[in-house]
Amino acid sequence: MGKQVPRALIYILIALGLIIMAFVFMPLKLAVSMAGLENTKFSAREISGSIWNGRIEQAQLGPFALGDLDAGVQFFPLLTGNVKLDLERPASSGDSGLSATIGKQGSALLVENATTILSVGQTLAPLPASSIALDNVSVAFAGGRCQSASGKVRLSLDANIPGLDLKRGLLGDAICEDGVLVLPLTSGSGMEDLTMKLEGNGFYTARLFLNGNDRAWTLLLPTLGFRKVPSGYAIKVAGQLGQKR
């Protein structure tokens, strides 16, 4: 006559089975909440599917439209109580696509290896910006303060200003300074630079400086919102991400 399996072991196996089933069939919407995104400027029209193979439709991060995204949770971070969500929008004709990892690690909100092009629209108006390209950008915020930042950022400008070639935009690396995310961007010639700062509450400032004193600028730039400063002209904007201007 065989030995009976201890009742306590049966209960443990049942509990483990229920936990595994819960993970397998956990809805993606719950994972988005666990990742801390519901307390940010992130929103979506619909979130469907499981945490391993889900779909986020018409995703929005503040004023930036992210489109329809495939989404799945990374397994190993779950073992340590952290939630990391891989997002992807495949590239297509006229669309560079999107890839990024977002989530929560301890008290920190993370964006890792984000690569995409975001349309600026009127977010930075009257600053003549059209889009922001991210290349493997990673940022971590904890307690509303920037903890770490890396990756390349390119801001494209649509201004037609005599004497300037801004078609290639302004390029720089994302960094943290005094708890604020800072994007110090410079043109290829080094004569134009823009510094954008973003705080954990979504408040931002951006200042574009044009080095020079072209005669045509005297009449043109003030009409675009620039003001005369030593060695050139500058324009500064400030606002709250997600708020209409």
Protein backbone atom coordinates (compact mmCIF):
# COMPACT_ATOMS: atom_id res chain seq x y z
CA MET A 1 0.00 0.00 0.00
CA GLY A 2 1.59 3.31 -1.17
CA LYS A 3 2.24 6.27 1.03
CA GLN A 4 -0.42 8.98 1.08
CA VAL A 5 0.60 12.41 -0.13
CA PRO A 6 0.55 14.83 2.83
CA ARG A 7 -2.48 17.08 2.73
CA ALA A 8 -0.32 20.17 3.26
CA LEU A 9 1.68 19.33 0.10
CA ILE A 10 -1.55 18.99 -1.86
CA TYR A 11 -2.65 22.44 -0.71
CA ILE A 12 0.75 23.89 -1.67
CA LEU A 13 0.56 22.34 -5.16
CA ILE A 14 -2.98 23.64 -5.64
CA ALA A 15 -1.89 27.14 -4.54
CA LEU A 16 1.08 27.05 -6.92
CA GLY A 17 -1.20 25.91 -9.73
CA LEU A 18 -3.60 28.77 -9.08
CA ILE A 19 -0.74 31.27 -9.05
CA ILE A 20 0.59 29.93 -12.36
CA MET A 21 -2.91 30.06 -13.89
CA ALA A 22 -3.31 33.63 -12.68
CA PHE A 23 -0.05 34.65 -14.36
CA VAL A 24 -0.90 32.83 -17.59
CA PHE A 25 -4.32 34.44 -17.96
CA MET A 26 -3.65 37.81 -16.30
CA PRO A 27 -5.08 40.59 -18.50
CA LEU A 28 -2.67 43.12 -19.97
CA LYS A 29 -4.76 45.95 -18.52
CA LEU A 30 -3.83 44.79 -15.01
CA ALA A 31 -0.14 44.67 -15.96
CA VAL A 32 -0.33 48.26 -17.23
CA SER A 33 -1.68 49.26 -13.83
CA MET A 34 1.03 47.26 -12.02
CA ALA A 35 3.69 48.97 -14.15
CA GLY A 36 2.60 52.31 -12.67
CA LEU A 37 1.45 53.78 -15.98
CA GLU A 38 -2.01 54.73 -14.72
CA ASN A 39 -0.35 57.38 -12.54
CA THR A 40 1.44 58.96 -15.52
CA LYS A 41 0.39 60.80 -18.69
CA PHE A 42 -0.09 57.43 -20.44
CA SER A 43 -3.54 56.61 -21.84
CA ALA A 44 -5.13 54.34 -24.44
CA ARG A 45 -8.51 53.80 -26.10
CA GLU A 46 -8.43 50.06 -25.40
CA ILE A 47 -6.09 47.54 -23.74
CA SER A 48 -6.77 43.89 -24.55
CA GLY A 49 -5.17 40.43 -24.45
CA SER A 50 -2.98 38.75 -21.86
CA ILE A 51 0.19 40.08 -20.26
CA TRP A 52 2.23 37.85 -22.59
CA ASN A 53 0.53 38.78 -25.84
CA GLY A 54 -1.57 41.92 -25.65
CA ARG A 55 -2.60 44.93 -27.66
CA ILE A 56 -2.80 48.62 -26.77
CA GLU A 57 -4.87 50.68 -29.21
CA GLN A 58 -4.42 54.40 -29.81
CA ALA A 59 -1.83 54.76 -27.07
CA GLN A 60 -0.96 58.29 -25.98
CA LEU A 61 1.87 59.61 -23.79
CA GLY A 62 1.00 63.17 -22.83
CA PRO A 63 0.61 65.03 -26.14
CA PHE A 64 2.45 62.34 -28.14
CA ALA A 65 0.45 59.78 -30.11
CA LEU A 66 2.09 56.33 -29.99
CA GLY A 67 -0.43 54.53 -32.20
CA ASP A 68 -1.46 50.87 -31.90
CA LEU A 69 1.11 48.81 -30.00
CA ASP A 70 1.86 45.14 -29.47
CA ALA A 71 2.70 44.58 -25.80
CA GLY A 72 4.08 41.82 -23.60
CA VAL A 73 5.46 41.59 -20.06
CA GLN A 74 9.03 40.39 -19.47
CA PHE A 75 9.02 37.18 -17.40
CA PHE A 76 12.19 37.38 -15.29
CA PRO A 77 11.58 40.85 -13.74
CA LEU A 78 8.27 39.47 -12.42
CA LEU A 79 10.22 37.04 -10.25
CA THR A 80 11.64 40.01 -8.32
CA GLY A 81 8.32 41.86 -8.12
CA ASN A 82 9.07 44.30 -10.96
CA VAL A 83 6.96 44.83 -14.06
CA LYS A 84 8.55 45.64 -17.42
CA LEU A 85 6.39 45.91 -20.50
CA ASP A 86 7.84 45.60 -24.01
CA LEU A 87 6.06 47.78 -26.57
CA GLU A 88 6.37 47.58 -30.33
CA ARG A 89 4.82 49.18 -33.39
CA PRO A 90 6.33 47.59 -36.50
CA ALA A 91 7.83 49.95 -39.06
CA SER A 92 5.87 50.43 -42.27
CA SER A 93 5.80 52.75 -45.25
CA GLY A 94 5.97 56.31 -43.93
CA ASP A 95 6.22 55.09 -40.31
CA SER A 96 9.55 54.46 -38.57
CA GLY A 97 7.80 52.29 -35.98
CA LEU A 98 8.39 52.17 -32.24
CA SER A 99 10.17 49.92 -29.76
CA ALA A 100 10.53 50.55 -26.03
CA THR A 101 10.33 48.98 -22.62
CA ILE A 102 8.34 50.74 -19.92
CA GLY A 103 7.62 49.73 -16.37
CA LYS A 104 8.39 49.92 -12.70
CA GLN A 105 11.42 48.81 -10.72
CA GLY A 106 11.00 49.41 -7.03
CA SER A 107 9.78 52.99 -6.74
CA ALA A 108 11.27 54.04 -10.09
CA LEU A 109 9.28 54.49 -13.30
CA LEU A 110 11.34 53.39 -16.29
CA VAL A 111 11.54 53.96 -20.01
CA GLU A 112 14.25 51.80 -21.57
CA ASN A 113 15.74 51.70 -25.08
CA ALA A 114 13.00 53.84 -26.62
CA THR A 115 13.46 54.24 -30.37
CA THR A 116 10.86 56.12 -32.39
CA ILE A 117 9.92 59.49 -33.92
CA LEU A 118 7.33 61.57 -32.05
CA SER A 119 5.35 64.27 -33.81
CA VAL A 120 5.52 67.50 -31.80
CA GLY A 121 2.56 69.30 -33.38
CA GLN A 122 1.71 72.43 -31.42
CA THR A 123 3.16 71.14 -28.13
CA LEU A 124 6.19 73.44 -28.23
CA ALA A 125 4.61 76.33 -30.18
CA PRO A 126 5.74 78.97 -31.00
CA LEU A 127 9.06 77.07 -31.01
CA PRO A 128 9.44 75.94 -34.67
CA ALA A 129 9.74 72.21 -33.86
CA SER A 130 8.16 69.43 -35.91
CA SER A 131 9.35 66.11 -34.45
CA ILE A 132 11.58 64.46 -31.84
CA ALA A 133 13.55 61.33 -32.77
CA LEU A 134 14.61 59.01 -29.95
CA ASP A 135 17.48 56.56 -30.39
CA ASN A 136 17.82 54.01 -27.55
CA VAL A 137 16.72 56.56 -24.97
CA SER A 138 16.42 55.32 -21.37
CA VAL A 139 15.08 57.40 -18.47
CA ALA A 140 14.28 56.56 -14.85
CA PHE A 141 12.20 58.76 -12.51
CA ALA A 142 11.72 58.07 -8.79
CA GLY A 143 9.86 60.35 -6.40
CA GLY A 144 9.31 62.78 -9.25
CA ARG A 145 13.06 63.18 -9.82
CA CYS A 146 15.17 62.07 -12.75
CA GLN A 147 17.56 59.35 -11.57
CA SER A 148 19.29 58.37 -14.81
CA ALA A 149 19.09 59.14 -18.53
CA SER A 150 20.93 58.11 -21.68
CA GLY A 151 20.48 57.85 -25.45
CA LYS A 152 20.42 60.14 -28.47
CA VAL A 153 17.71 62.74 -29.15
CA ARG A 154 17.22 64.72 -32.37
CA LEU A 155 14.79 67.65 -32.63
CA SER A 156 13.71 68.56 -36.15
CA LEU A 157 12.85 72.19 -36.91
CA ASP A 158 10.59 73.43 -39.70
CA ALA A 159 11.66 77.08 -39.61
CA ASN A 160 12.88 78.69 -42.85
CA ILE A 161 15.35 81.25 -41.52
CA PRO A 162 17.81 82.95 -43.89
CA GLY A 163 21.43 82.03 -43.27
CA LEU A 164 20.64 78.85 -41.29
CA ASP A 165 20.54 75.22 -42.37
CA LEU A 166 18.37 73.52 -39.76
CA LYS A 167 17.16 70.64 -41.92
CA ARG A 168 19.27 68.10 -40.01
CA GLY A 169 17.90 69.39 -36.72
CA LEU A 170 19.59 69.58 -33.33
CA LEU A 171 21.24 66.52 -31.75
CA GLY A 172 22.34 65.61 -28.23
CA ASP A 173 22.31 63.09 -25.37
CA ALA A 174 19.64 62.79 -22.67
CA ILE A 175 21.02 63.49 -19.18
CA CYS A 176 19.83 64.14 -15.61
CA GLU A 177 20.68 67.36 -13.78
CA ASP A 178 19.45 68.09 -10.25
CA GLY A 179 16.55 65.67 -10.61
CA VAL A 180 15.42 67.10 -13.97
CA LEU A 181 15.59 65.39 -17.38
CA VAL A 182 17.68 67.66 -19.63
CA LEU A 183 18.09 67.50 -23.42
CA PRO A 184 21.03 69.73 -24.48
CA LEU A 185 20.81 69.74 -28.28
CA THR A 186 23.14 71.39 -30.79
CA SER A 187 23.14 71.83 -34.58
CA GLY A 188 25.87 70.42 -36.81
CA SER A 189 27.48 73.86 -37.12
CA GLY A 190 27.40 74.43 -33.37
CA MET A 191 25.90 77.87 -33.94
CA GLU A 192 22.40 76.91 -32.78
CA ASP A 193 21.45 75.12 -29.59
CA LEU A 194 18.34 74.15 -27.68
CA THR A 195 18.01 73.10 -24.06
CA MET A 196 14.82 71.33 -23.03
CA LYS A 197 14.11 70.43 -19.39
CA LEU A 198 11.37 68.08 -18.17
CA GLU A 199 10.39 67.65 -14.53
CA GLY A 200 8.70 64.61 -13.01
CA ASN A 201 5.31 66.38 -12.85
CA GLY A 202 5.33 66.98 -16.63
CA PHE A 203 6.34 70.65 -16.49
CA TYR A 204 8.83 71.55 -19.22
CA THR A 205 10.84 74.47 -20.52
CA ALA A 206 12.66 74.77 -23.86
CA ARG A 207 15.03 77.51 -25.03
CA LEU A 208 16.32 77.78 -28.61
CA PHE A 209 19.31 80.06 -29.24
CA LEU A 210 20.47 81.19 -32.70
CA ASN A 211 23.99 82.59 -32.78
CA GLY A 212 24.39 85.45 -35.24
CA ASN A 213 23.12 88.86 -36.33
CA ASP A 214 21.93 88.43 -39.90
CA ARG A 215 20.21 91.60 -41.06
CA ALA A 216 17.17 89.67 -42.23
CA TRP A 217 16.69 88.37 -38.68
CA THR A 218 15.99 91.87 -37.32
CA LEU A 219 12.56 91.92 -38.93
CA LEU A 220 11.82 88.20 -39.25
CA LEU A 221 12.69 86.63 -35.90
CA PRO A 222 10.64 88.94 -33.63
CA THR A 223 7.55 87.95 -35.65
CA LEU A 224 8.32 84.29 -34.83
CA GLY A 225 8.58 84.95 -31.10
CA PHE A 226 12.36 85.37 -30.84
CA ARG A 227 13.95 88.17 -28.84
CA LYS A 228 17.34 89.81 -29.21
CA VAL A 229 19.97 88.60 -26.74
CA PRO A 230 23.76 89.01 -26.62
CA SER A 231 25.33 87.32 -29.69
CA GLY A 232 22.03 86.39 -31.31
CA TYR A 233 18.35 85.61 -30.81
CA ALA A 234 16.49 83.29 -28.47
CA ILE A 235 12.99 81.94 -27.91
CA LYS A 236 11.75 80.21 -24.76
CA VAL A 237 8.58 78.23 -24.11
CA ALA A 238 7.18 76.53 -21.03
CA GLY A 239 4.17 74.35 -20.36
CA GLN A 240 2.69 71.14 -18.99
CA LEU A 241 2.77 67.97 -21.06
CA GLY A 242 -0.71 66.78 -21.85
CA GLN A 243 -2.33 70.22 -21.57
CA LYS A 244 -3.62 71.97 -24.67
CA ARG A 245 -1.82 75.13 -25.61
